[in-house]
Amino acid sequence: VQLQASGGGSVQVGGSLRLSCAASGRISVGWFRQAPGKEREFVAAINWRDSNTNYSNSVRGRFTISRDNARNTVDLQMNSLKPEDTAVYYCAISYSNTVSPRKDVYRSWGQGTLVTVSS
């Protein structure tokens, strides 16, 4: 499965961006990010059965993951962005009904999209 995350860009502190991942059907989707020199980390996930969600502590309350069934995408709305949110963001899919933060749960990964937050 080819995945592609889109919607990245440059924004100032406090701004917003919306990332999209083309994904539909009975798949769970996770968003992860990797900052320069750091490990890839979990951001958010949504399962396929009931759209249950999970967020990392660092983004909870600022980011929202959701399905757009009309566009067949899973989106990540990012508000109140901070410089520490700067990273390459990746979406990944799992055929399990999961919101796990573990990278090894997700089978297919897309090319990332760069988000840069400047002060």
PDB file of N, CA and C in Angstrom:
ATOM      1  N   VAL A   1       0.850  -1.185   0.000  1.00  0.00           N
ATOM      2  CA  VAL A   1       0.000   0.000   0.000  1.00  0.00           C
ATOM      3  C   VAL A   1       0.889   1.239   0.000  1.00  0.00           C
ATOM      4  N   GLN A   2       0.655   2.106  -0.959  1.00  0.00           N
ATOM      5  CA  GLN A   2       1.407   3.351  -1.025  1.00  0.00           C
ATOM      6  C   GLN A   2       0.664   4.414  -0.227  1.00  0.00           C
ATOM      7  N   LEU A   3       1.354   5.012   0.686  1.00  0.00           N
ATOM      8  CA  LEU A   3       0.768   6.085   1.471  1.00  0.00           C
ATOM      9  C   LEU A   3       1.501   7.372   1.197  1.00  0.00           C
ATOM     10  N   GLN A   4       0.797   8.440   1.289  1.00  0.00           N
ATOM     11  CA  GLN A   4       1.425   9.736   1.113  1.00  0.00           C
ATOM     12  C   GLN A   4       0.792  10.715   2.076  1.00  0.00           C
ATOM     13  N   ALA A   5       1.623  11.271   2.921  1.00  0.00           N
ATOM     14  CA  ALA A   5       1.170  12.342   3.792  1.00  0.00           C
ATOM     15  C   ALA A   5       1.346  13.663   3.059  1.00  0.00           C
ATOM     16  N   SER A   6       0.402  14.560   3.249  1.00  0.00           N
ATOM     17  CA  SER A   6       0.482  15.860   2.598  1.00  0.00           C
ATOM     18  C   SER A   6      -0.001  16.940   3.542  1.00  0.00           C
ATOM     19  N   GLY A   7       0.276  18.170   3.181  1.00  0.00           N
ATOM     20  CA  GLY A   7      -0.224  19.295   3.954  1.00  0.00           C
ATOM     21  C   GLY A   7       0.806  19.989   4.814  1.00  0.00           C
ATOM     22  N   GLY A   8       2.027  19.509   4.805  1.00  0.00           N
ATOM     23  CA  GLY A   8       3.050  20.149   5.603  1.00  0.00           C
ATOM     24  C   GLY A   8       3.423  21.516   5.073  1.00  0.00           C
ATOM     25  N   GLY A   9       4.205  22.233   5.861  1.00  0.00           N
ATOM     26  CA  GLY A   9       4.644  23.552   5.453  1.00  0.00           C
ATOM     27  C   GLY A   9       5.265  24.285   6.609  1.00  0.00           C
ATOM     28  N   SER A  10       5.435  25.582   6.422  1.00  0.00           N
ATOM     29  CA  SER A  10       6.018  26.430   7.449  1.00  0.00           C
ATOM     30  C   SER A  10       4.946  27.314   8.051  1.00  0.00           C
ATOM     31  N   VAL A  11       4.998  27.451   9.364  1.00  0.00           N
ATOM     32  CA  VAL A  11       3.993  28.243  10.068  1.00  0.00           C
ATOM     33  C   VAL A  11       4.656  28.870  11.286  1.00  0.00           C
ATOM     34  N   GLN A  12       4.095  29.969  11.739  1.00  0.00           N
ATOM     35  CA  GLN A  12       4.626  30.599  12.936  1.00  0.00           C
ATOM     36  C   GLN A  12       4.026  29.992  14.191  1.00  0.00           C
ATOM     37  N   VAL A  13       4.691  30.230  15.293  1.00  0.00           N
ATOM     38  CA  VAL A  13       4.206  29.729  16.580  1.00  0.00           C
ATOM     39  C   VAL A  13       2.759  30.163  16.792  1.00  0.00           C
ATOM     40  N   GLY A  14       1.960  29.211  17.224  1.00  0.00           N
ATOM     41  CA  GLY A  14       0.551  29.477  17.463  1.00  0.00           C
ATOM     42  C   GLY A  14      -0.334  29.237  16.263  1.00  0.00           C
ATOM     43  N   GLY A  15       0.284  28.969  15.123  1.00  0.00           N
ATOM     44  CA  GLY A  15      -0.478  28.743  13.908  1.00  0.00           C
ATOM     45  C   GLY A  15      -1.037  27.346  13.806  1.00  0.00           C
ATOM     46  N   SER A  16      -1.672  27.073  12.668  1.00  0.00           N
ATOM     47  CA  SER A  16      -2.330  25.784  12.442  1.00  0.00           C
ATOM     48  C   SER A  16      -1.953  25.217  11.079  1.00  0.00           C
ATOM     49  N   LEU A  17      -1.964  23.900  11.016  1.00  0.00           N
ATOM     50  CA  LEU A  17      -1.798  23.179   9.761  1.00  0.00           C
ATOM     51  C   LEU A  17      -2.686  21.952   9.799  1.00  0.00           C
ATOM     52  N   ARG A  18      -3.072  21.486   8.630  1.00  0.00           N
ATOM     53  CA  ARG A  18      -3.865  20.263   8.532  1.00  0.00           C
ATOM     54  C   ARG A  18      -3.142  19.305   7.607  1.00  0.00           C
ATOM     55  N   LEU A  19      -2.771  18.172   8.139  1.00  0.00           N
ATOM     56  CA  LEU A  19      -2.126  17.125   7.354  1.00  0.00           C
ATOM     57  C   LEU A  19      -3.163  16.104   6.923  1.00  0.00           C
ATOM     58  N   SER A  20      -2.948  15.512   5.765  1.00  0.00           N
ATOM     59  CA  SER A  20      -3.852  14.492   5.261  1.00  0.00           C
ATOM     60  C   SER A  20      -3.084  13.256   4.844  1.00  0.00           C
ATOM     61  N   CYS A  21      -3.718  12.116   5.018  1.00  0.00           N
ATOM     62  CA  CYS A  21      -3.167  10.830   4.595  1.00  0.00           C
ATOM     63  C   CYS A  21      -4.278  10.114   3.839  1.00  0.00           C
ATOM     64  N   ALA A  22      -4.017   9.765   2.591  1.00  0.00           N
ATOM     65  CA  ALA A  22      -5.016   9.068   1.786  1.00  0.00           C
ATOM     66  C   ALA A  22      -5.161   7.648   2.308  1.00  0.00           C
ATOM     67  N   ALA A  23      -6.269   7.386   2.991  1.00  0.00           N
ATOM     68  CA  ALA A  23      -6.488   6.078   3.593  1.00  0.00           C
ATOM     69  C   ALA A  23      -7.969   5.903   3.832  1.00  0.00           C
ATOM     70  N   SER A  24      -8.493   4.748   3.477  1.00  0.00           N
ATOM     71  CA  SER A  24      -9.912   4.490   3.700  1.00  0.00           C
ATOM     72  C   SER A  24     -10.126   3.004   3.921  1.00  0.00           C
ATOM     73  N   GLY A  25     -11.312   2.652   4.395  1.00  0.00           N
ATOM     74  CA  GLY A  25     -11.641   1.263   4.612  1.00  0.00           C
ATOM     75  C   GLY A  25     -11.306   0.795   6.016  1.00  0.00           C
ATOM     76  N   ARG A  26     -11.200  -0.526   6.155  1.00  0.00           N
ATOM     77  CA  ARG A  26     -10.992  -1.124   7.468  1.00  0.00           C
ATOM     78  C   ARG A  26      -9.520  -1.108   7.862  1.00  0.00           C
ATOM     79  N   ILE A  27      -9.011   0.070   8.014  1.00  0.00           N
ATOM     80  CA  ILE A  27      -7.634   0.236   8.444  1.00  0.00           C
ATOM     81  C   ILE A  27      -7.555   1.289   9.544  1.00  0.00           C
ATOM     82  N   SER A  28      -6.668   1.045  10.476  1.00  0.00           N
ATOM     83  CA  SER A  28      -6.368   2.021  11.499  1.00  0.00           C
ATOM     84  C   SER A  28      -5.167   2.834  11.029  1.00  0.00           C
ATOM     85  N   VAL A  29      -5.125   4.078  11.421  1.00  0.00           N
ATOM     86  CA  VAL A  29      -4.077   4.975  10.948  1.00  0.00           C
ATOM     87  C   VAL A  29      -3.387   5.640  12.126  1.00  0.00           C
ATOM     88  N   GLY A  30      -2.082   5.649  12.049  1.00  0.00           N
ATOM     89  CA  GLY A  30      -1.292   6.357  13.049  1.00  0.00           C
ATOM     90  C   GLY A  30      -0.490   7.464  12.408  1.00  0.00           C
ATOM     91  N   TRP A  31      -0.345   8.545  13.131  1.00  0.00           N
ATOM     92  CA  TRP A  31       0.558   9.616  12.727  1.00  0.00           C
ATOM     93  C   TRP A  31       1.758   9.601  13.671  1.00  0.00           C
ATOM     94  N   PHE A  32       2.931   9.702  13.092  1.00  0.00           N
ATOM     95  CA  PHE A  32       4.177   9.749  13.837  1.00  0.00           C
ATOM     96  C   PHE A  32       4.988  10.929  13.324  1.00  0.00           C
ATOM     97  N   ARG A  33       6.000  11.310  14.079  1.00  0.00           N
ATOM     98  CA  ARG A  33       6.862  12.392  13.619  1.00  0.00           C
ATOM     99  C   ARG A  33       8.303  12.119  14.032  1.00  0.00           C
ATOM    100  N   GLN A  34       9.209  12.703  13.268  1.00  0.00           N
ATOM    101  CA  GLN A  34      10.622  12.538  13.571  1.00  0.00           C
ATOM    102  C   GLN A  34      11.328  13.870  13.381  1.00  0.00           C
ATOM    103  N   ALA A  35      11.839  14.370  14.480  1.00  0.00           N
ATOM    104  CA  ALA A  35      12.621  15.608  14.459  1.00  0.00           C
ATOM    105  C   ALA A  35      14.077  15.269  14.186  1.00  0.00           C
ATOM    106  N   PRO A  36      14.844  16.214  13.663  1.00  0.00           N
ATOM    107  CA  PRO A  36      16.264  15.952  13.371  1.00  0.00           C
ATOM    108  C   PRO A  36      17.005  15.430  14.593  1.00  0.00           C
ATOM    109  N   GLY A  37      17.686  14.327  14.416  1.00  0.00           N
ATOM    110  CA  GLY A  37      18.489  13.766  15.491  1.00  0.00           C
ATOM    111  C   GLY A  37      17.716  13.037  16.561  1.00  0.00           C
ATOM    112  N   LYS A  38      16.421  12.854  16.352  1.00  0.00           N
ATOM    113  CA  LYS A  38      15.588  12.194  17.370  1.00  0.00           C
ATOM    114  C   LYS A  38      14.914  10.953  16.789  1.00  0.00           C
ATOM    115  N   GLU A  39      14.429  10.131  17.707  1.00  0.00           N
ATOM    116  CA  GLU A  39      13.696   8.935  17.302  1.00  0.00           C
ATOM    117  C   GLU A  39      12.323   9.330  16.757  1.00  0.00           C
ATOM    118  N   ARG A  40      11.788   8.474  15.901  1.00  0.00           N
ATOM    119  CA  ARG A  40      10.427   8.666  15.430  1.00  0.00           C
ATOM    120  C   ARG A  40       9.480   8.418  16.600  1.00  0.00           C
ATOM    121  N   GLU A  41       8.538   9.319  16.790  1.00  0.00           N
ATOM    122  CA  GLU A  41       7.649   9.202  17.942  1.00  0.00           C
ATOM    123  C   GLU A  41       6.184   9.257  17.522  1.00  0.00           C
ATOM    124  N   PHE A  42       5.374   8.643  18.372  1.00  0.00           N
ATOM    125  CA  PHE A  42       3.934   8.594  18.160  1.00  0.00           C
ATOM    126  C   PHE A  42       3.321   9.963  18.378  1.00  0.00           C
ATOM    127  N   VAL A  43       2.330  10.286  17.521  1.00  0.00           N
ATOM    128  CA  VAL A  43       1.588  11.533  17.670  1.00  0.00           C
ATOM    129  C   VAL A  43       0.115  11.252  17.965  1.00  0.00           C
ATOM    130  N   ALA A  44      -0.528  10.491  17.081  1.00  0.00           N
ATOM    131  CA  ALA A  44      -1.959  10.229  17.238  1.00  0.00           C
ATOM    132  C   ALA A  44      -2.343   9.013  16.415  1.00  0.00           C
ATOM    133  N   ALA A  45      -3.476   8.407  16.774  1.00  0.00           N
ATOM    134  CA  ALA A  45      -3.962   7.257  16.016  1.00  0.00           C
ATOM    135  C   ALA A  45      -5.480   7.212  16.082  1.00  0.00           C
ATOM    136  N   ILE A  46      -6.060   6.572  15.069  1.00  0.00           N
ATOM    137  CA  ILE A  46      -7.509   6.388  15.007  1.00  0.00           C
ATOM    138  C   ILE A  46      -7.785   4.989  14.490  1.00  0.00           C
ATOM    139  N   ASN A  47      -8.708   4.274  15.125  1.00  0.00           N
ATOM    140  CA  ASN A  47      -8.969   2.913  14.670  1.00  0.00           C
ATOM    141  C   ASN A  47     -10.079   2.890  13.630  1.00  0.00           C
ATOM    142  N   TRP A  48     -10.279   1.691  13.022  1.00  0.00           N
ATOM    143  CA  TRP A  48     -11.246   1.652  11.914  1.00  0.00           C
ATOM    144  C   TRP A  48     -12.653   1.338  12.380  1.00  0.00           C
ATOM    145  N   ARG A  49     -12.790   0.666  13.545  1.00  0.00           N
ATOM    146  CA  ARG A  49     -14.106   0.160  13.916  1.00  0.00           C
ATOM    147  C   ARG A  49     -15.034   1.264  14.397  1.00  0.00           C
ATOM    148  N   ASP A  50     -14.543   2.103  15.298  1.00  0.00           N
ATOM    149  CA  ASP A  50     -15.431   3.115  15.875  1.00  0.00           C
ATOM    150  C   ASP A  50     -14.768   4.483  15.949  1.00  0.00           C
ATOM    151  N   SER A  51     -13.668   4.635  15.205  1.00  0.00           N
ATOM    152  CA  SER A  51     -12.919   5.902  15.179  1.00  0.00           C
ATOM    153  C   SER A  51     -12.493   6.341  16.572  1.00  0.00           C
ATOM    154  N   ASN A  52     -12.177   5.374  17.398  1.00  0.00           N
ATOM    155  CA  ASN A  52     -11.567   5.701  18.690  1.00  0.00           C
ATOM    156  C   ASN A  52     -10.190   6.311  18.425  1.00  0.00           C
ATOM    157  N   THR A  53      -9.799   7.253  19.282  1.00  0.00           N
ATOM    158  CA  THR A  53      -8.543   7.971  19.050  1.00  0.00           C
ATOM    159  C   THR A  53      -7.599   7.865  20.246  1.00  0.00           C
ATOM    160  N   ASN A  54      -6.343   8.136  19.983  1.00  0.00           N
ATOM    161  CA  ASN A  54      -5.317   8.157  21.011  1.00  0.00           C
ATOM    162  C   ASN A  54      -4.309   9.237  20.636  1.00  0.00           C
ATOM    163  N   TYR A  55      -3.791   9.941  21.638  1.00  0.00           N
ATOM    164  CA  TYR A  55      -2.856  11.037  21.400  1.00  0.00           C
ATOM    165  C   TYR A  55      -1.669  10.928  22.350  1.00  0.00           C
ATOM    166  N   SER A  56      -0.541  11.408  21.897  1.00  0.00           N
ATOM    167  CA  SER A  56       0.578  11.538  22.814  1.00  0.00           C
ATOM    168  C   SER A  56       0.299  12.704  23.760  1.00  0.00           C
ATOM    169  N   ASN A  57       0.924  12.675  24.913  1.00  0.00           N
ATOM    170  CA  ASN A  57       0.709  13.739  25.891  1.00  0.00           C
ATOM    171  C   ASN A  57       1.133  15.102  25.342  1.00  0.00           C
ATOM    172  N   SER A  58       2.133  15.097  24.478  1.00  0.00           N
ATOM    173  CA  SER A  58       2.673  16.364  23.992  1.00  0.00           C
ATOM    174  C   SER A  58       1.739  17.083  23.015  1.00  0.00           C
ATOM    175  N   VAL A  59       0.779  16.379  22.438  1.00  0.00           N
ATOM    176  CA  VAL A  59      -0.108  17.026  21.460  1.00  0.00           C
ATOM    177  C   VAL A  59      -1.572  17.007  21.883  1.00  0.00           C
ATOM    178  N   ARG A  60      -1.893  16.251  22.923  1.00  0.00           N
ATOM    179  CA  ARG A  60      -3.298  16.145  23.350  1.00  0.00           C
ATOM    180  C   ARG A  60      -3.841  17.532  23.674  1.00  0.00           C
ATOM    181  N   GLY A  61      -5.019  17.802  23.136  1.00  0.00           N
ATOM    182  CA  GLY A  61      -5.643  19.105  23.350  1.00  0.00           C
ATOM    183  C   GLY A  61      -5.313  20.121  22.271  1.00  0.00           C
ATOM    184  N   ARG A  62      -4.287  19.845  21.475  1.00  0.00           N
ATOM    185  CA  ARG A  62      -3.904  20.763  20.387  1.00  0.00           C
ATOM    186  C   ARG A  62      -4.126  20.131  19.016  1.00  0.00           C
ATOM    187  N   PHE A  63      -3.932  18.824  18.922  1.00  0.00           N
ATOM    188  CA  PHE A  63      -4.074  18.115  17.653  1.00  0.00           C
ATOM    189  C   PHE A  63      -5.339  17.276  17.680  1.00  0.00           C
ATOM    190  N   THR A  64      -5.938  17.102  16.506  1.00  0.00           N
ATOM    191  CA  THR A  64      -7.123  16.263  16.373  1.00  0.00           C
ATOM    192  C   THR A  64      -6.972  15.374  15.149  1.00  0.00           C
ATOM    193  N   ILE A  65      -7.137  14.077  15.351  1.00  0.00           N
ATOM    194  CA  ILE A  65      -7.101  13.126  14.242  1.00  0.00           C
ATOM    195  C   ILE A  65      -8.537  12.746  13.900  1.00  0.00           C
ATOM    196  N   SER A  66      -8.832  12.658  12.611  1.00  0.00           N
ATOM    197  CA  SER A  66     -10.208  12.355  12.218  1.00  0.00           C
ATOM    198  C   SER A  66     -10.224  11.730  10.830  1.00  0.00           C
ATOM    199  N   ARG A  67     -11.324  11.071  10.536  1.00  0.00           N
ATOM    200  CA  ARG A  67     -11.536  10.507   9.201  1.00  0.00           C
ATOM    201  C   ARG A  67     -12.421  11.440   8.394  1.00  0.00           C
ATOM    202  N   ASP A  68     -12.066  11.626   7.144  1.00  0.00           N
ATOM    203  CA  ASP A  68     -12.917  12.347   6.208  1.00  0.00           C
ATOM    204  C   ASP A  68     -13.357  11.332   5.159  1.00  0.00           C
ATOM    205  N   ASN A  69     -14.524  10.791   5.366  1.00  0.00           N
ATOM    206  CA  ASN A  69     -14.980   9.712   4.478  1.00  0.00           C
ATOM    207  C   ASN A  69     -15.275  10.226   3.064  1.00  0.00           C
ATOM    208  N   ALA A  70     -15.606  11.475   2.940  1.00  0.00           N
ATOM    209  CA  ALA A  70     -15.884  12.029   1.603  1.00  0.00           C
ATOM    210  C   ALA A  70     -14.614  12.116   0.766  1.00  0.00           C
ATOM    211  N   ARG A  71     -13.490  12.393   1.429  1.00  0.00           N
ATOM    212  CA  ARG A  71     -12.213  12.529   0.726  1.00  0.00           C
ATOM    213  C   ARG A  71     -11.361  11.283   0.842  1.00  0.00           C
ATOM    214  N   ASN A  72     -11.841  10.295   1.629  1.00  0.00           N
ATOM    215  CA  ASN A  72     -11.050   9.068   1.867  1.00  0.00           C
ATOM    216  C   ASN A  72      -9.673   9.390   2.434  1.00  0.00           C
ATOM    217  N   THR A  73      -9.680  10.232   3.422  1.00  0.00           N
ATOM    218  CA  THR A  73      -8.430  10.592   4.075  1.00  0.00           C
ATOM    219  C   THR A  73      -8.573  10.482   5.588  1.00  0.00           C
ATOM    220  N   VAL A  74      -7.432  10.386   6.240  1.00  0.00           N
ATOM    221  CA  VAL A  74      -7.349  10.560   7.685  1.00  0.00           C
ATOM    222  C   VAL A  74      -6.505  11.812   7.901  1.00  0.00           C
ATOM    223  N   ASP A  75      -7.093  12.767   8.584  1.00  0.00           N
ATOM    224  CA  ASP A  75      -6.473  14.073   8.717  1.00  0.00           C
ATOM    225  C   ASP A  75      -5.952  14.299  10.133  1.00  0.00           C
ATOM    226  N   LEU A  76      -4.932  15.121  10.217  1.00  0.00           N
ATOM    227  CA  LEU A  76      -4.397  15.540  11.501  1.00  0.00           C
ATOM    228  C   LEU A  76      -4.445  17.066  11.542  1.00  0.00           C
ATOM    229  N   GLN A  77      -5.397  17.592  12.281  1.00  0.00           N
ATOM    230  CA  GLN A  77      -5.513  19.034  12.459  1.00  0.00           C
ATOM    231  C   GLN A  77      -4.598  19.444  13.603  1.00  0.00           C
ATOM    232  N   MET A  78      -3.679  20.333  13.304  1.00  0.00           N
ATOM    233  CA  MET A  78      -2.689  20.741  14.299  1.00  0.00           C
ATOM    234  C   MET A  78      -2.872  22.213  14.600  1.00  0.00           C
ATOM    235  N   ASN A  79      -3.235  22.517  15.830  1.00  0.00           N
ATOM    236  CA  ASN A  79      -3.449  23.895  16.274  1.00  0.00           C
ATOM    237  C   ASN A  79      -2.433  24.264  17.344  1.00  0.00           C
ATOM    238  N   SER A  80      -2.316  25.548  17.592  1.00  0.00           N
ATOM    239  CA  SER A  80      -1.412  26.054  18.634  1.00  0.00           C
ATOM    240  C   SER A  80      -0.016  25.445  18.493  1.00  0.00           C
ATOM    241  N   LEU A  81       0.495  25.487  17.298  1.00  0.00           N
ATOM    242  CA  LEU A  81       1.774  24.830  17.020  1.00  0.00           C
ATOM    243  C   LEU A  81       2.926  25.512  17.748  1.00  0.00           C
ATOM    244  N   LYS A  82       3.874  24.673  18.154  1.00  0.00           N
ATOM    245  CA  LYS A  82       5.040  25.118  18.903  1.00  0.00           C
ATOM    246  C   LYS A  82       6.307  24.760  18.118  1.00  0.00           C
ATOM    247  N   PRO A  83       7.414  25.420  18.401  1.00  0.00           N
ATOM    248  CA  PRO A  83       8.663  25.060  17.705  1.00  0.00           C
ATOM    249  C   PRO A  83       9.027  23.589  17.861  1.00  0.00           C
ATOM    250  N   GLU A  84       8.711  23.013  19.007  1.00  0.00           N
ATOM    251  CA  GLU A  84       9.030  21.603  19.231  1.00  0.00           C
ATOM    252  C   GLU A  84       8.157  20.651  18.421  1.00  0.00           C
ATOM    253  N   ASP A  85       7.171  21.170  17.717  1.00  0.00           N
ATOM    254  CA  ASP A  85       6.386  20.341  16.802  1.00  0.00           C
ATOM    255  C   ASP A  85       7.069  20.199  15.442  1.00  0.00           C
ATOM    256  N   THR A  86       8.151  20.931  15.235  1.00  0.00           N
ATOM    257  CA  THR A  86       8.890  20.846  13.979  1.00  0.00           C
ATOM    258  C   THR A  86       9.426  19.439  13.781  1.00  0.00           C
ATOM    259  N   ALA A  87       9.070  18.825  12.659  1.00  0.00           N
ATOM    260  CA  ALA A  87       9.465  17.447  12.379  1.00  0.00           C
ATOM    261  C   ALA A  87       8.948  17.049  11.008  1.00  0.00           C
ATOM    262  N   VAL A  88       9.412  15.909  10.554  1.00  0.00           N
ATOM    263  CA  VAL A  88       8.784  15.255   9.417  1.00  0.00           C
ATOM    264  C   VAL A  88       7.679  14.359   9.963  1.00  0.00           C
ATOM    265  N   TYR A  89       6.492  14.513   9.447  1.00  0.00           N
ATOM    266  CA  TYR A  89       5.326  13.767   9.921  1.00  0.00           C
ATOM    267  C   TYR A  89       5.007  12.649   8.939  1.00  0.00           C
ATOM    268  N   TYR A  90       4.765  11.466   9.489  1.00  0.00           N
ATOM    269  CA  TYR A  90       4.469  10.274   8.699  1.00  0.00           C
ATOM    270  C   TYR A  90       3.114   9.704   9.098  1.00  0.00           C
ATOM    271  N   CYS A  91       2.387   9.177   8.117  1.00  0.00           N
ATOM    272  CA  CYS A  91       1.225   8.376   8.450  1.00  0.00           C
ATOM    273  C   CYS A  91       1.555   6.909   8.166  1.00  0.00           C
ATOM    274  N   ALA A  92       0.884   6.049   8.894  1.00  0.00           N
ATOM    275  CA  ALA A  92       1.114   4.618   8.766  1.00  0.00           C
ATOM    276  C   ALA A  92      -0.198   3.897   9.026  1.00  0.00           C
ATOM    277  N   ILE A  93      -0.342   2.698   8.449  1.00  0.00           N
ATOM    278  CA  ILE A  93      -1.599   1.984   8.597  1.00  0.00           C
ATOM    279  C   ILE A  93      -1.405   0.627   9.253  1.00  0.00           C
ATOM    280  N   SER A  94      -2.466   0.202   9.912  1.00  0.00           N
ATOM    281  CA  SER A  94      -2.519  -1.135  10.490  1.00  0.00           C
ATOM    282  C   SER A  94      -3.854  -1.752  10.111  1.00  0.00           C
ATOM    283  N   TYR A  95      -3.858  -3.053   9.833  1.00  0.00           N
ATOM    284  CA  TYR A  95      -5.108  -3.742   9.540  1.00  0.00           C
ATOM    285  C   TYR A  95      -5.781  -4.247  10.814  1.00  0.00           C
ATOM    286  N   SER A  96      -5.138  -4.006  11.931  1.00  0.00           N
ATOM    287  CA  SER A  96      -5.761  -4.304  13.216  1.00  0.00           C
ATOM    288  C   SER A  96      -6.628  -3.130  13.651  1.00  0.00           C
ATOM    289  N   ASN A  97      -7.594  -3.407  14.498  1.00  0.00           N
ATOM    290  CA  ASN A  97      -8.408  -2.347  15.075  1.00  0.00           C
ATOM    291  C   ASN A  97      -7.643  -1.809  16.284  1.00  0.00           C
ATOM    292  N   THR A  98      -6.831  -0.789  16.057  1.00  0.00           N
ATOM    293  CA  THR A  98      -5.896  -0.362  17.091  1.00  0.00           C
ATOM    294  C   THR A  98      -5.700   1.138  17.118  1.00  0.00           C
ATOM    295  N   VAL A  99      -5.324   1.638  18.286  1.00  0.00           N
ATOM    296  CA  VAL A  99      -4.847   3.015  18.431  1.00  0.00           C
ATOM    297  C   VAL A  99      -3.493   2.984  19.142  1.00  0.00           C
ATOM    298  N   SER A 100      -2.769   1.898  18.912  1.00  0.00           N
ATOM    299  CA  SER A 100      -1.505   1.713  19.594  1.00  0.00           C
ATOM    300  C   SER A 100      -0.487   2.781  19.234  1.00  0.00           C
ATOM    301  N   PRO A 101       0.341   3.192  20.193  1.00  0.00           N
ATOM    302  CA  PRO A 101       1.434   4.118  19.905  1.00  0.00           C
ATOM    303  C   PRO A 101       2.712   3.406  19.447  1.00  0.00           C
ATOM    304  N   ARG A 102       2.675   2.092  19.340  1.00  0.00           N
ATOM    305  CA  ARG A 102       3.878   1.334  18.976  1.00  0.00           C
ATOM    306  C   ARG A 102       4.089   1.330  17.468  1.00  0.00           C
ATOM    307  N   LYS A 103       5.282   1.657  17.050  1.00  0.00           N
ATOM    308  CA  LYS A 103       5.591   1.697  15.625  1.00  0.00           C
ATOM    309  C   LYS A 103       5.444   0.330  14.969  1.00  0.00           C
ATOM    310  N   ASP A 104       5.769  -0.718  15.681  1.00  0.00           N
ATOM    311  CA  ASP A 104       5.773  -2.051  15.073  1.00  0.00           C
ATOM    312  C   ASP A 104       4.373  -2.602  14.823  1.00  0.00           C
ATOM    313  N   VAL A 105       3.371  -1.915  15.291  1.00  0.00           N
ATOM    314  CA  VAL A 105       1.988  -2.321  15.029  1.00  0.00           C
ATOM    315  C   VAL A 105       1.566  -1.935  13.609  1.00  0.00           C
ATOM    316  N   TYR A 106       2.222  -0.953  13.040  1.00  0.00           N
ATOM    317  CA  TYR A 106       1.832  -0.394  11.754  1.00  0.00           C
ATOM    318  C   TYR A 106       2.673  -1.006  10.640  1.00  0.00           C
ATOM    319  N   ARG A 107       2.011  -1.414   9.583  1.00  0.00           N
ATOM    320  CA  ARG A 107       2.672  -2.204   8.557  1.00  0.00           C
ATOM    321  C   ARG A 107       3.190  -1.395   7.391  1.00  0.00           C
ATOM    322  N   SER A 108       2.495  -0.369   7.044  1.00  0.00           N
ATOM    323  CA  SER A 108       2.885   0.404   5.859  1.00  0.00           C
ATOM    324  C   SER A 108       3.065   1.854   6.250  1.00  0.00           C
ATOM    325  N   TRP A 109       4.135   2.424   5.729  1.00  0.00           N
ATOM    326  CA  TRP A 109       4.466   3.805   6.061  1.00  0.00           C
ATOM    327  C   TRP A 109       4.572   4.618   4.783  1.00  0.00           C
ATOM    328  N   GLY A 110       4.117   5.840   4.875  1.00  0.00           N
ATOM    329  CA  GLY A 110       4.225   6.722   3.727  1.00  0.00           C
ATOM    330  C   GLY A 110       5.452   7.600   3.804  1.00  0.00           C
ATOM    331  N   GLN A 111       5.697   8.292   2.725  1.00  0.00           N
ATOM    332  CA  GLN A 111       6.719   9.319   2.750  1.00  0.00           C
ATOM    333  C   GLN A 111       6.205  10.469   3.604  1.00  0.00           C
ATOM    334  N   GLY A 112       7.080  11.072   4.320  1.00  0.00           N
ATOM    335  CA  GLY A 112       6.672  12.093   5.268  1.00  0.00           C
ATOM    336  C   GLY A 112       6.456  13.444   4.637  1.00  0.00           C
ATOM    337  N   THR A 113       5.910  14.330   5.452  1.00  0.00           N
ATOM    338  CA  THR A 113       5.735  15.714   5.059  1.00  0.00           C
ATOM    339  C   THR A 113       6.323  16.597   6.159  1.00  0.00           C
ATOM    340  N   LEU A 114       7.070  17.604   5.756  1.00  0.00           N
ATOM    341  CA  LEU A 114       7.803  18.420   6.712  1.00  0.00           C
ATOM    342  C   LEU A 114       6.925  19.533   7.270  1.00  0.00           C
ATOM    343  N   VAL A 115       6.938  19.643   8.595  1.00  0.00           N
ATOM    344  CA  VAL A 115       6.272  20.740   9.294  1.00  0.00           C
ATOM    345  C   VAL A 115       7.347  21.540  10.025  1.00  0.00           C
ATOM    346  N   THR A 116       7.384  22.831   9.756  1.00  0.00           N
ATOM    347  CA  THR A 116       8.354  23.714  10.403  1.00  0.00           C
ATOM    348  C   THR A 116       7.604  24.820  11.126  1.00  0.00           C
ATOM    349  N   VAL A 117       7.851  24.943  12.419  1.00  0.00           N
ATOM    350  CA  VAL A 117       7.210  25.973  13.229  1.00  0.00           C
ATOM    351  C   VAL A 117       8.290  26.930  13.714  1.00  0.00           C
ATOM    352  N   SER A 118       8.142  28.178  13.345  1.00  0.00           N
ATOM    353  CA  SER A 118       9.168  29.162  13.689  1.00  0.00           C
ATOM    354  C   SER A 118       8.604  30.227  14.621  1.00  0.00           C
ATOM    355  N   SER A 119       9.497  30.747  15.448  1.00  0.00           N
ATOM    356  CA  SER A 119       9.076  31.775  16.411  1.00  0.00           C
ATOM    357  C   SER A 119       9.329  33.157  15.857  1.00  0.00           C
TER     358      SER A 119
END
